[in-house]
Amino acid sequence: WTPTGTNVPDYPKLAQLWWQNIGEAVAGEVTVD
């Protein structure tokens, strides 16, 4: 069981993309694809 590793070059900039895009799918605004 391990944390996020060193492949992620800028966690603050990249992490915010996840909740924004996934949130749109969860809300039914866009498809999963």
PDB file of all heavy atoms in Angstrom:
ATOM      1  N   TRP A   1       0.874  -1.181   0.000  1.00  0.00           N
ATOM      2  CA  TRP A   1       0.000   0.000   0.000  1.00  0.00           C
ATOM      3  C   TRP A   1       0.906   1.224   0.000  1.00  0.00           C
ATOM      4  O   TRP A   1       1.635   1.468   0.966  1.00  0.00           O
ATOM      5  CB  TRP A   1      -0.898   0.003   1.231  1.00  0.00           C
ATOM      6  CG  TRP A   1      -2.124  -0.846   1.073  1.00  0.00           C
ATOM      7  CD1 TRP A   1      -3.396  -0.404   0.841  1.00  0.00           C
ATOM      8  CD2 TRP A   1      -2.223  -2.269   1.144  1.00  0.00           C
ATOM      9  NE1 TRP A   1      -4.268  -1.460   0.737  1.00  0.00           N
ATOM     10  CE2 TRP A   1      -3.571  -2.625   0.928  1.00  0.00           C
ATOM     11  CE3 TRP A   1      -1.300  -3.293   1.360  1.00  0.00           C
ATOM     12  CZ2 TRP A   1      -4.018  -3.942   0.924  1.00  0.00           C
ATOM     13  CZ3 TRP A   1      -1.733  -4.604   1.357  1.00  0.00           C
ATOM     14  CH2 TRP A   1      -3.079  -4.920   1.143  1.00  0.00           C
ATOM     15  N   THR A   2       0.891   2.004  -1.064  1.00  0.00           N
ATOM     16  CA  THR A   2       1.859   3.084  -1.201  1.00  0.00           C
ATOM     17  C   THR A   2       1.197   4.389  -1.626  1.00  0.00           C
ATOM     18  O   THR A   2       0.173   4.386  -2.309  1.00  0.00           O
ATOM     19  CB  THR A   2       2.936   2.726  -2.245  1.00  0.00           C
ATOM     20  OG1 THR A   2       2.324   2.659  -3.546  1.00  0.00           O
ATOM     21  CG2 THR A   2       3.593   1.395  -1.919  1.00  0.00           C
ATOM     22  N   PRO A   3       1.791   5.526  -1.248  1.00  0.00           N
ATOM     23  CA  PRO A   3       1.270   6.823  -1.683  1.00  0.00           C
ATOM     24  C   PRO A   3       1.549   7.074  -3.163  1.00  0.00           C
ATOM     25  O   PRO A   3       2.202   6.274  -3.840  1.00  0.00           O
ATOM     26  CB  PRO A   3       2.048   7.830  -0.822  1.00  0.00           C
ATOM     27  CG  PRO A   3       2.663   7.024   0.280  1.00  0.00           C
ATOM     28  CD  PRO A   3       2.892   5.662  -0.296  1.00  0.00           C
ATOM     29  N   THR A   4       1.050   8.209  -3.644  1.00  0.00           N
ATOM     30  CA  THR A   4       1.415   8.664  -4.987  1.00  0.00           C
ATOM     31  C   THR A   4       2.929   8.777  -5.060  1.00  0.00           C
ATOM     32  O   THR A   4       3.571   9.241  -4.115  1.00  0.00           O
ATOM     33  CB  THR A   4       0.767  10.035  -5.269  1.00  0.00           C
ATOM     34  OG1 THR A   4      -0.648   9.878  -5.256  1.00  0.00           O
ATOM     35  CG2 THR A   4       1.207  10.582  -6.614  1.00  0.00           C
ATOM     36  N   GLY A   5       3.503   8.376  -6.181  1.00  0.00           N
ATOM     37  CA  GLY A   5       4.957   8.336  -6.294  1.00  0.00           C
ATOM     38  C   GLY A   5       5.552   9.468  -7.099  1.00  0.00           C
ATOM     39  O   GLY A   5       4.927  10.509  -7.347  1.00  0.00           O
ATOM     40  N   THR A   6       6.757   9.245  -7.559  1.00  0.00           N
ATOM     41  CA  THR A   6       7.549  10.316  -8.164  1.00  0.00           C
ATOM     42  C   THR A   6       7.245  10.549  -9.640  1.00  0.00           C
ATOM     43  O   THR A   6       7.833  11.436 -10.252  1.00  0.00           O
ATOM     44  CB  THR A   6       9.050  10.011  -7.999  1.00  0.00           C
ATOM     45  OG1 THR A   6       9.342   8.733  -8.575  1.00  0.00           O
ATOM     46  CG2 THR A   6       9.431   9.994  -6.526  1.00  0.00           C
ATOM     47  N   ASN A   7       6.321   9.773 -10.241  1.00  0.00           N
ATOM     48  CA  ASN A   7       5.952  10.022 -11.642  1.00  0.00           C
ATOM     49  C   ASN A   7       5.215  11.343 -11.811  1.00  0.00           C
ATOM     50  O   ASN A   7       5.190  11.904 -12.903  1.00  0.00           O
ATOM     51  CB  ASN A   7       5.050   8.909 -12.184  1.00  0.00           C
ATOM     52  CG  ASN A   7       5.799   7.624 -12.485  1.00  0.00           C
ATOM     53  OD1 ASN A   7       6.853   7.368 -11.915  1.00  0.00           O
ATOM     54  ND2 ASN A   7       5.255   6.804 -13.368  1.00  0.00           N
ATOM     55  N   VAL A   8       4.581  11.816 -10.747  1.00  0.00           N
ATOM     56  CA  VAL A   8       3.752  13.028 -10.823  1.00  0.00           C
ATOM     57  C   VAL A   8       4.645  14.249 -10.618  1.00  0.00           C
ATOM     58  O   VAL A   8       5.126  14.499  -9.511  1.00  0.00           O
ATOM     59  CB  VAL A   8       2.639  12.991  -9.756  1.00  0.00           C
ATOM     60  CG1 VAL A   8       1.756  14.236  -9.847  1.00  0.00           C
ATOM     61  CG2 VAL A   8       1.797  11.726  -9.921  1.00  0.00           C
ATOM     62  N   PRO A   9       4.876  15.045 -11.674  1.00  0.00           N
ATOM     63  CA  PRO A   9       5.872  16.110 -11.595  1.00  0.00           C
ATOM     64  C   PRO A   9       5.413  17.376 -10.880  1.00  0.00           C
ATOM     65  O   PRO A   9       6.234  18.133 -10.384  1.00  0.00           O
ATOM     66  CB  PRO A   9       6.177  16.411 -13.058  1.00  0.00           C
ATOM     67  CG  PRO A   9       4.906  16.084 -13.769  1.00  0.00           C
ATOM     68  CD  PRO A   9       4.324  14.914 -13.032  1.00  0.00           C
ATOM     69  N   ASP A  10       4.100  17.641 -10.850  1.00  0.00           N
ATOM     70  CA  ASP A  10       3.583  18.840 -10.174  1.00  0.00           C
ATOM     71  C   ASP A  10       2.221  18.495  -9.590  1.00  0.00           C
ATOM     72  O   ASP A  10       1.184  18.713 -10.218  1.00  0.00           O
ATOM     73  CB  ASP A  10       3.477  20.006 -11.161  1.00  0.00           C
ATOM     74  CG  ASP A  10       3.228  21.337 -10.459  1.00  0.00           C
ATOM     75  OD1 ASP A  10       2.498  21.345  -9.448  1.00  0.00           O
ATOM     76  OD2 ASP A  10       3.758  22.377 -10.910  1.00  0.00           O
ATOM     77  N   TYR A  11       2.224  17.966  -8.380  1.00  0.00           N
ATOM     78  CA  TYR A  11       0.991  17.480  -7.760  1.00  0.00           C
ATOM     79  C   TYR A  11      -0.084  18.561  -7.656  1.00  0.00           C
ATOM     80  O   TYR A  11      -1.240  18.322  -8.025  1.00  0.00           O
ATOM     81  CB  TYR A  11       1.311  16.889  -6.385  1.00  0.00           C
ATOM     82  CG  TYR A  11       0.136  16.216  -5.709  1.00  0.00           C
ATOM     83  CD1 TYR A  11      -0.024  14.836  -5.763  1.00  0.00           C
ATOM     84  CD2 TYR A  11      -0.814  16.956  -5.008  1.00  0.00           C
ATOM     85  CE1 TYR A  11      -1.095  14.214  -5.148  1.00  0.00           C
ATOM     86  CE2 TYR A  11      -1.889  16.347  -4.387  1.00  0.00           C
ATOM     87  CZ  TYR A  11      -2.025  14.980  -4.461  1.00  0.00           C
ATOM     88  OH  TYR A  11      -3.092  14.371  -3.848  1.00  0.00           O
ATOM     89  N   PRO A  12       0.217  19.768  -7.159  1.00  0.00           N
ATOM     90  CA  PRO A  12      -0.843  20.773  -7.022  1.00  0.00           C
ATOM     91  C   PRO A  12      -1.543  21.110  -8.333  1.00  0.00           C
ATOM     92  O   PRO A  12      -2.763  21.236  -8.373  1.00  0.00           O
ATOM     93  CB  PRO A  12      -0.109  21.990  -6.451  1.00  0.00           C
ATOM     94  CG  PRO A  12       1.054  21.412  -5.724  1.00  0.00           C
ATOM     95  CD  PRO A  12       1.491  20.253  -6.576  1.00  0.00           C
ATOM     96  N   LYS A  13      -0.782  21.241  -9.406  1.00  0.00           N
ATOM     97  CA  LYS A  13      -1.383  21.600 -10.696  1.00  0.00           C
ATOM     98  C   LYS A  13      -2.189  20.442 -11.283  1.00  0.00           C
ATOM     99  O   LYS A  13      -3.274  20.645 -11.840  1.00  0.00           O
ATOM    100  CB  LYS A  13      -0.299  22.029 -11.687  1.00  0.00           C
ATOM    101  CG  LYS A  13       0.272  23.423 -11.462  1.00  0.00           C
ATOM    102  CD  LYS A  13       1.186  23.821 -12.621  1.00  0.00           C
ATOM    103  CE  LYS A  13       1.652  25.268 -12.476  1.00  0.00           C
ATOM    104  NZ  LYS A  13       2.596  25.411 -11.342  1.00  0.00           N
ATOM    105  N   LEU A  14      -1.662  19.243 -11.175  1.00  0.00           N
ATOM    106  CA  LEU A  14      -2.321  18.096 -11.797  1.00  0.00           C
ATOM    107  C   LEU A  14      -3.487  17.575 -10.964  1.00  0.00           C
ATOM    108  O   LEU A  14      -4.504  17.148 -11.518  1.00  0.00           O
ATOM    109  CB  LEU A  14      -1.305  16.970 -12.033  1.00  0.00           C
ATOM    110  CG  LEU A  14      -0.188  17.280 -13.029  1.00  0.00           C
ATOM    111  CD1 LEU A  14       0.808  16.120 -13.081  1.00  0.00           C
ATOM    112  CD2 LEU A  14      -0.747  17.546 -14.411  1.00  0.00           C
ATOM    113  N   ALA A  15      -3.385  17.623  -9.643  1.00  0.00           N
ATOM    114  CA  ALA A  15      -4.423  17.048  -8.784  1.00  0.00           C
ATOM    115  C   ALA A  15      -5.773  17.734  -8.978  1.00  0.00           C
ATOM    116  O   ALA A  15      -6.818  17.081  -8.935  1.00  0.00           O
ATOM    117  CB  ALA A  15      -4.000  17.127  -7.319  1.00  0.00           C
ATOM    118  N   GLN A  16      -5.751  19.047  -9.185  1.00  0.00           N
ATOM    119  CA  GLN A  16      -7.025  19.756  -9.322  1.00  0.00           C
ATOM    120  C   GLN A  16      -7.779  19.364 -10.583  1.00  0.00           C
ATOM    121  O   GLN A  16      -9.004  19.516 -10.662  1.00  0.00           O
ATOM    122  CB  GLN A  16      -6.794  21.267  -9.296  1.00  0.00           C
ATOM    123  CG  GLN A  16      -5.939  21.803 -10.426  1.00  0.00           C
ATOM    124  CD  GLN A  16      -5.642  23.281 -10.258  1.00  0.00           C
ATOM    125  OE1 GLN A  16      -6.359  23.985  -9.546  1.00  0.00           O
ATOM    126  NE2 GLN A  16      -4.585  23.762 -10.892  1.00  0.00           N
ATOM    127  N   LEU A  17      -7.084  18.824 -11.579  1.00  0.00           N
ATOM    128  CA  LEU A  17      -7.759  18.395 -12.804  1.00  0.00           C
ATOM    129  C   LEU A  17      -8.679  17.202 -12.548  1.00  0.00           C
ATOM    130  O   LEU A  17      -9.692  17.030 -13.236  1.00  0.00           O
ATOM    131  CB  LEU A  17      -6.726  18.012 -13.871  1.00  0.00           C
ATOM    132  CG  LEU A  17      -5.723  19.085 -14.292  1.00  0.00           C
ATOM    133  CD1 LEU A  17      -4.730  18.492 -15.283  1.00  0.00           C
ATOM    134  CD2 LEU A  17      -6.435  20.290 -14.892  1.00  0.00           C
ATOM    135  N   TRP A  18      -8.335  16.386 -11.567  1.00  0.00           N
ATOM    136  CA  TRP A  18      -9.074  15.145 -11.349  1.00  0.00           C
ATOM    137  C   TRP A  18     -10.486  15.415 -10.849  1.00  0.00           C
ATOM    138  O   TRP A  18     -11.454  14.897 -11.396  1.00  0.00           O
ATOM    139  CB  TRP A  18      -8.300  14.247 -10.371  1.00  0.00           C
ATOM    140  CG  TRP A  18      -7.112  13.615 -11.013  1.00  0.00           C
ATOM    141  CD1 TRP A  18      -5.944  14.236 -11.372  1.00  0.00           C
ATOM    142  CD2 TRP A  18      -6.975  12.258 -11.407  1.00  0.00           C
ATOM    143  NE1 TRP A  18      -5.082  13.340 -11.951  1.00  0.00           N
ATOM    144  CE2 TRP A  18      -5.676  12.118 -11.991  1.00  0.00           C
ATOM    145  CE3 TRP A  18      -7.786  11.134 -11.315  1.00  0.00           C
ATOM    146  CZ2 TRP A  18      -5.214  10.907 -12.481  1.00  0.00           C
ATOM    147  CZ3 TRP A  18      -7.317   9.921 -11.795  1.00  0.00           C
ATOM    148  CH2 TRP A  18      -6.046   9.812 -12.371  1.00  0.00           C
ATOM    149  N   TRP A  19     -10.614  16.209  -9.804  1.00  0.00           N
ATOM    150  CA  TRP A  19     -11.957  16.409  -9.256  1.00  0.00           C
ATOM    151  C   TRP A  19     -12.838  17.212 -10.214  1.00  0.00           C
ATOM    152  O   TRP A  19     -14.047  17.011 -10.271  1.00  0.00           O
ATOM    153  CB  TRP A  19     -11.898  17.047  -7.873  1.00  0.00           C
ATOM    154  CG  TRP A  19     -11.436  18.475  -7.789  1.00  0.00           C
ATOM    155  CD1 TRP A  19     -10.165  18.925  -7.625  1.00  0.00           C
ATOM    156  CD2 TRP A  19     -12.268  19.642  -7.795  1.00  0.00           C
ATOM    157  NE1 TRP A  19     -10.136  20.292  -7.550  1.00  0.00           N
ATOM    158  CE2 TRP A  19     -11.417  20.763  -7.643  1.00  0.00           C
ATOM    159  CE3 TRP A  19     -13.645  19.854  -7.916  1.00  0.00           C
ATOM    160  CZ2 TRP A  19     -11.899  22.073  -7.607  1.00  0.00           C
ATOM    161  CZ3 TRP A  19     -14.127  21.159  -7.887  1.00  0.00           C
ATOM    162  CH2 TRP A  19     -13.260  22.250  -7.737  1.00  0.00           C
ATOM    163  N   GLN A  20     -12.230  18.090 -10.990  1.00  0.00           N
ATOM    164  CA  GLN A  20     -13.015  18.888 -11.933  1.00  0.00           C
ATOM    165  C   GLN A  20     -13.576  18.012 -13.052  1.00  0.00           C
ATOM    166  O   GLN A  20     -14.777  18.068 -13.363  1.00  0.00           O
ATOM    167  CB  GLN A  20     -12.160  20.016 -12.495  1.00  0.00           C
ATOM    168  CG  GLN A  20     -11.800  21.067 -11.450  1.00  0.00           C
ATOM    169  CD  GLN A  20     -10.684  21.995 -11.886  1.00  0.00           C
ATOM    170  OE1 GLN A  20     -10.082  21.815 -12.945  1.00  0.00           O
ATOM    171  NE2 GLN A  20     -10.402  23.001 -11.084  1.00  0.00           N
ATOM    172  N   ASN A  21     -12.733  17.191 -13.639  1.00  0.00           N
ATOM    173  CA  ASN A  21     -13.185  16.347 -14.755  1.00  0.00           C
ATOM    174  C   ASN A  21     -14.067  15.194 -14.287  1.00  0.00           C
ATOM    175  O   ASN A  21     -15.103  14.908 -14.902  1.00  0.00           O
ATOM    176  CB  ASN A  21     -11.976  15.821 -15.529  1.00  0.00           C
ATOM    177  CG  ASN A  21     -11.357  16.885 -16.414  1.00  0.00           C
ATOM    178  OD1 ASN A  21     -11.885  17.216 -17.468  1.00  0.00           O
ATOM    179  ND2 ASN A  21     -10.234  17.442 -15.980  1.00  0.00           N
ATOM    180  N   ILE A  22     -13.666  14.532 -13.225  1.00  0.00           N
ATOM    181  CA  ILE A  22     -14.467  13.424 -12.710  1.00  0.00           C
ATOM    182  C   ILE A  22     -15.787  13.941 -12.153  1.00  0.00           C
ATOM    183  O   ILE A  22     -16.841  13.313 -12.305  1.00  0.00           O
ATOM    184  CB  ILE A  22     -13.664  12.626 -11.672  1.00  0.00           C
ATOM    185  CG1 ILE A  22     -12.569  11.821 -12.386  1.00  0.00           C
ATOM    186  CG2 ILE A  22     -14.569  11.696 -10.861  1.00  0.00           C
ATOM    187  CD1 ILE A  22     -11.549  11.198 -11.493  1.00  0.00           C
ATOM    188  N   GLY A  23     -15.755  15.110 -11.516  1.00  0.00           N
ATOM    189  CA  GLY A  23     -16.978  15.712 -11.002  1.00  0.00           C
ATOM    190  C   GLY A  23     -17.998  15.970 -12.094  1.00  0.00           C
ATOM    191  O   GLY A  23     -19.208  15.827 -11.868  1.00  0.00           O
ATOM    192  N   GLU A  24     -17.530  16.321 -13.287  1.00  0.00           N
ATOM    193  CA  GLU A  24     -18.454  16.544 -14.411  1.00  0.00           C
ATOM    194  C   GLU A  24     -19.143  15.243 -14.815  1.00  0.00           C
ATOM    195  O   GLU A  24     -20.339  15.222 -15.130  1.00  0.00           O
ATOM    196  CB  GLU A  24     -17.698  17.142 -15.600  1.00  0.00           C
ATOM    197  CG  GLU A  24     -17.254  18.582 -15.372  1.00  0.00           C
ATOM    198  CD  GLU A  24     -16.487  19.155 -16.556  1.00  0.00           C
ATOM    199  OE1 GLU A  24     -16.233  18.387 -17.518  1.00  0.00           O
ATOM    200  OE2 GLU A  24     -16.144  20.348 -16.517  1.00  0.00           O
ATOM    201  N   ALA A  25     -18.390  14.151 -14.788  1.00  0.00           N
ATOM    202  CA  ALA A  25     -18.986  12.855 -15.127  1.00  0.00           C
ATOM    203  C   ALA A  25     -19.991  12.424 -14.056  1.00  0.00           C
ATOM    204  O   ALA A  25     -21.093  11.958 -14.368  1.00  0.00           O
ATOM    205  CB  ALA A  25     -17.902  11.800 -15.284  1.00  0.00           C
ATOM    206  N   VAL A  26     -19.622  12.582 -12.793  1.00  0.00           N
ATOM    207  CA  VAL A  26     -20.503  12.180 -11.693  1.00  0.00           C
ATOM    208  C   VAL A  26     -21.808  12.978 -11.722  1.00  0.00           C
ATOM    209  O   VAL A  26     -22.882  12.450 -11.443  1.00  0.00           O
ATOM    210  CB  VAL A  26     -19.788  12.355 -10.335  1.00  0.00           C
ATOM    211  CG1 VAL A  26     -20.735  12.055  -9.180  1.00  0.00           C
ATOM    212  CG2 VAL A  26     -18.562  11.447 -10.254  1.00  0.00           C
ATOM    213  N   ALA A  27     -21.696  14.249 -12.101  1.00  0.00           N
ATOM    214  CA  ALA A  27     -22.882  15.106 -12.168  1.00  0.00           C
ATOM    215  C   ALA A  27     -23.715  14.871 -13.425  1.00  0.00           C
ATOM    216  O   ALA A  27     -24.784  15.459 -13.582  1.00  0.00           O
ATOM    217  CB  ALA A  27     -22.460  16.573 -12.095  1.00  0.00           C
ATOM    218  N   GLY A  28     -23.218  14.026 -14.341  1.00  0.00           N
ATOM    219  CA  GLY A  28     -23.951  13.737 -15.566  1.00  0.00           C
ATOM    220  C   GLY A  28     -23.777  14.788 -16.646  1.00  0.00           C
ATOM    221  O   GLY A  28     -24.526  14.809 -17.633  1.00  0.00           O
ATOM    222  N   GLU A  29     -22.761  15.644 -16.488  1.00  0.00           N
ATOM    223  CA  GLU A  29     -22.538  16.712 -17.465  1.00  0.00           C
ATOM    224  C   GLU A  29     -21.800  16.207 -18.700  1.00  0.00           C
ATOM    225  O   GLU A  29     -21.971  16.756 -19.790  1.00  0.00           O
ATOM    226  CB  GLU A  29     -21.738  17.854 -16.812  1.00  0.00           C
ATOM    227  CG  GLU A  29     -22.485  18.516 -15.658  1.00  0.00           C
ATOM    228  CD  GLU A  29     -21.593  19.432 -14.829  1.00  0.00           C
ATOM    229  OE1 GLU A  29     -20.461  19.709 -15.278  1.00  0.00           O
ATOM    230  OE2 GLU A  29     -22.017  19.858 -13.743  1.00  0.00           O
ATOM    231  N   VAL A  30     -20.977  15.173 -18.528  1.00  0.00           N
ATOM    232  CA  VAL A  30     -20.266  14.566 -19.649  1.00  0.00           C
ATOM    233  C   VAL A  30     -20.263  13.057 -19.451  1.00  0.00           C
ATOM    234  O   VAL A  30     -20.542  12.562 -18.350  1.00  0.00           O
ATOM    235  CB  VAL A  30     -18.811  15.077 -19.773  1.00  0.00           C
ATOM    236  CG1 VAL A  30     -18.753  16.579 -19.994  1.00  0.00           C
ATOM    237  CG2 VAL A  30     -17.994  14.689 -18.533  1.00  0.00           C
ATOM    238  N   THR A  31     -19.929  12.317 -20.489  1.00  0.00           N
ATOM    239  CA  THR A  31     -19.832  10.858 -20.373  1.00  0.00           C
ATOM    240  C   THR A  31     -18.524  10.468 -19.698  1.00  0.00           C
ATOM    241  O   THR A  31     -17.591  11.279 -19.579  1.00  0.00           O
ATOM    242  CB  THR A  31     -19.884  10.192 -21.753  1.00  0.00           C
ATOM    243  OG1 THR A  31     -18.707  10.569 -22.492  1.00  0.00           O
ATOM    244  CG2 THR A  31     -21.135  10.598 -22.519  1.00  0.00           C
ATOM    245  N   VAL A  32     -18.449   9.217 -19.259  1.00  0.00           N
ATOM    246  CA  VAL A  32     -17.217   8.697 -18.661  1.00  0.00           C
ATOM    247  C   VAL A  32     -16.056   8.804 -19.648  1.00  0.00           C
ATOM    248  O   VAL A  32     -14.954   9.236 -19.285  1.00  0.00           O
ATOM    249  CB  VAL A  32     -17.414   7.237 -18.216  1.00  0.00           C
ATOM    250  CG1 VAL A  32     -16.071   6.575 -17.909  1.00  0.00           C
ATOM    251  CG2 VAL A  32     -18.325   7.173 -16.989  1.00  0.00           C
ATOM    252  N   ASP A  33     -16.287   8.411 -20.892  1.00  0.00           N
ATOM    253  CA  ASP A  33     -15.221   8.471 -21.903  1.00  0.00           C
ATOM    254  C   ASP A  33     -14.703   9.885 -22.070  1.00  0.00           C
ATOM    255  O   ASP A  33     -13.479  10.120 -22.105  1.00  0.00           O
ATOM    256  CB  ASP A  33     -15.733   7.943 -23.249  1.00  0.00           C
ATOM    257  CG  ASP A  33     -15.895   6.426 -23.254  1.00  0.00           C
ATOM    258  OD1 ASP A  33     -15.579   5.789 -22.228  1.00  0.00           O
ATOM    259  OD2 ASP A  33     -16.333   5.883 -24.288  1.00  0.00           O
TER     260      ASP A  33
END
